Amino acid sequence: SISEEEISFLILSGKYIAIALVDHNKLSHAWQDFHVPGVLSSNSDYTGHYVLICGFDAGADMFEIRDPASSRETNI
């Protein structure tokens, strides 16, 4: 397991992208709001889904992701 801070540090280094297992229920909600705190955390209604983390906007404190199940891109 790795923290959101550690992921953002690695992404900002410019040397890494990440594949992350996220809660699909929260990700579905993120498509509407574009920012969901704790999307990388788990809860009792957890449904796993993999996404590619391509970037991090430190000013907005948001990850840029690509969802292989969608043609859209979003920030979470």
C-alpha atoms as a PDB file:
ATOM      1  CA  SER A   1       0.000   0.000   0.000  1.00  0.00           C
ATOM      2  CA  ILE A   2       1.201   3.528  -0.803  1.00  0.00           C
ATOM      3  CA  SER A   3      -0.131   6.896   0.296  1.00  0.00           C
ATOM      4  CA  GLU A   4      -1.560   9.573  -1.975  1.00  0.00           C
ATOM      5  CA  GLU A   5       1.376  11.819  -0.971  1.00  0.00           C
ATOM      6  CA  GLU A   6       3.910   9.184  -2.052  1.00  0.00           C
ATOM      7  CA  ILE A   7       2.107   8.692  -5.378  1.00  0.00           C
ATOM      8  CA  SER A   8       2.021  12.443  -6.038  1.00  0.00           C
ATOM      9  CA  PHE A   9       5.767  12.723  -5.250  1.00  0.00           C
ATOM     10  CA  LEU A  10       6.598   9.944  -7.726  1.00  0.00           C
ATOM     11  CA  ILE A  11       4.320  11.367 -10.434  1.00  0.00           C
ATOM     12  CA  LEU A  12       5.756  14.881  -9.995  1.00  0.00           C
ATOM     13  CA  SER A  13       9.295  13.494 -10.434  1.00  0.00           C
ATOM     14  CA  GLY A  14       8.395  13.004 -14.106  1.00  0.00           C
ATOM     15  CA  LYS A  15       9.785   9.490 -14.114  1.00  0.00           C
ATOM     16  CA  TYR A  16       6.685   7.509 -13.179  1.00  0.00           C
ATOM     17  CA  ILE A  17       3.069   6.868 -13.951  1.00  0.00           C
ATOM     18  CA  ALA A  18       1.001   4.584 -11.749  1.00  0.00           C
ATOM     19  CA  ILE A  19      -1.713   2.010 -12.066  1.00  0.00           C
ATOM     20  CA  ALA A  20      -4.018   2.279  -9.085  1.00  0.00           C
ATOM     21  CA  LEU A  21      -6.840   0.160  -7.760  1.00  0.00           C
ATOM     22  CA  VAL A  22      -9.593   2.606  -6.769  1.00  0.00           C
ATOM     23  CA  ASP A  23     -13.161   2.379  -5.558  1.00  0.00           C
ATOM     24  CA  HIS A  24     -15.263   2.359  -8.729  1.00  0.00           C
ATOM     25  CA  ASN A  25     -18.259   3.760  -6.820  1.00  0.00           C
ATOM     26  CA  LYS A  26     -16.281   6.864  -5.853  1.00  0.00           C
ATOM     27  CA  LEU A  27     -14.729   7.109  -9.306  1.00  0.00           C
ATOM     28  CA  SER A  28     -18.177   7.083 -10.910  1.00  0.00           C
ATOM     29  CA  HIS A  29     -19.088   9.974  -8.610  1.00  0.00           C
ATOM     30  CA  ALA A  30     -15.842  11.746  -9.559  1.00  0.00           C
ATOM     31  CA  TRP A  31     -16.958  11.924 -13.214  1.00  0.00           C
ATOM     32  CA  GLN A  32     -19.680  14.314 -12.074  1.00  0.00           C
ATOM     33  CA  ASP A  33     -17.783  16.374  -9.468  1.00  0.00           C
ATOM     34  CA  PHE A  34     -14.188  16.035 -10.777  1.00  0.00           C
ATOM     35  CA  HIS A  35     -12.818  16.000  -7.205  1.00  0.00           C
ATOM     36  CA  VAL A  36     -13.527  13.392  -4.579  1.00  0.00           C
ATOM     37  CA  PRO A  37     -11.398  13.385  -1.423  1.00  0.00           C
ATOM     38  CA  GLY A  38     -10.240   9.934  -0.380  1.00  0.00           C
ATOM     39  CA  VAL A  39     -10.941   8.205  -3.702  1.00  0.00           C
ATOM     40  CA  LEU A  40      -7.952   5.962  -3.020  1.00  0.00           C
ATOM     41  CA  SER A  41      -9.345   4.786   0.310  1.00  0.00           C
ATOM     42  CA  SER A  42     -11.615   1.829   0.930  1.00  0.00           C
ATOM     43  CA  ASN A  43     -15.006   1.408   2.599  1.00  0.00           C
ATOM     44  CA  SER A  44     -17.621  -1.320   3.072  1.00  0.00           C
ATOM     45  CA  ASP A  45     -19.213  -0.745  -0.388  1.00  0.00           C
ATOM     46  CA  TYR A  46     -15.876  -1.048  -2.169  1.00  0.00           C
ATOM     47  CA  THR A  47     -15.835  -2.146  -5.833  1.00  0.00           C
ATOM     48  CA  GLY A  48     -12.306  -2.349  -7.235  1.00  0.00           C
ATOM     49  CA  HIS A  49     -11.397  -0.729 -10.553  1.00  0.00           C
ATOM     50  CA  TYR A  50      -7.965   0.008 -12.082  1.00  0.00           C
ATOM     51  CA  VAL A  51      -7.023   3.429 -13.492  1.00  0.00           C
ATOM     52  CA  LEU A  52      -3.817   4.934 -14.842  1.00  0.00           C
ATOM     53  CA  ILE A  53      -2.519   7.961 -12.916  1.00  0.00           C
ATOM     54  CA  CYS A  54      -0.719  10.156 -15.452  1.00  0.00           C
ATOM     55  CA  GLY A  55      -0.159  13.406 -13.609  1.00  0.00           C
ATOM     56  CA  PHE A  56      -0.663  15.445 -10.479  1.00  0.00           C
ATOM     57  CA  ASP A  57      -1.733  19.092 -10.187  1.00  0.00           C
ATOM     58  CA  ALA A  58      -0.159  20.240  -6.920  1.00  0.00           C
ATOM     59  CA  GLY A  59      -2.025  23.571  -6.971  1.00  0.00           C
ATOM     60  CA  ALA A  60      -5.408  21.880  -7.185  1.00  0.00           C
ATOM     61  CA  ASP A  61      -4.283  18.803  -5.181  1.00  0.00           C
ATOM     62  CA  MET A  62      -5.727  16.515  -7.879  1.00  0.00           C
ATOM     63  CA  PHE A  63      -4.513  13.500  -9.832  1.00  0.00           C
ATOM     64  CA  GLU A  64      -4.968  13.310 -13.602  1.00  0.00           C
ATOM     65  CA  ILE A  65      -6.204   9.846 -14.489  1.00  0.00           C
ATOM     66  CA  ARG A  66      -7.105   7.782 -17.518  1.00  0.00           C
ATOM     67  CA  ASP A  67      -9.798   5.175 -17.061  1.00  0.00           C
ATOM     68  CA  PRO A  68      -9.403   2.252 -19.488  1.00  0.00           C
ATOM     69  CA  ALA A  69     -13.171   1.749 -19.364  1.00  0.00           C
ATOM     70  CA  SER A  70     -13.831   5.273 -20.666  1.00  0.00           C
ATOM     71  CA  SER A  71     -12.602   7.592 -23.402  1.00  0.00           C
ATOM     72  CA  ARG A  72     -12.799  10.525 -20.976  1.00  0.00           C
ATOM     73  CA  GLU A  73     -10.039  11.891 -18.774  1.00  0.00           C
ATOM     74  CA  THR A  74     -10.590  13.369 -15.355  1.00  0.00           C
ATOM     75  CA  ASN A  75      -8.903  14.708 -12.263  1.00  0.00           C
ATOM     76  CA  ILE A  76      -9.455  13.264  -8.813  1.00  0.00           C
END
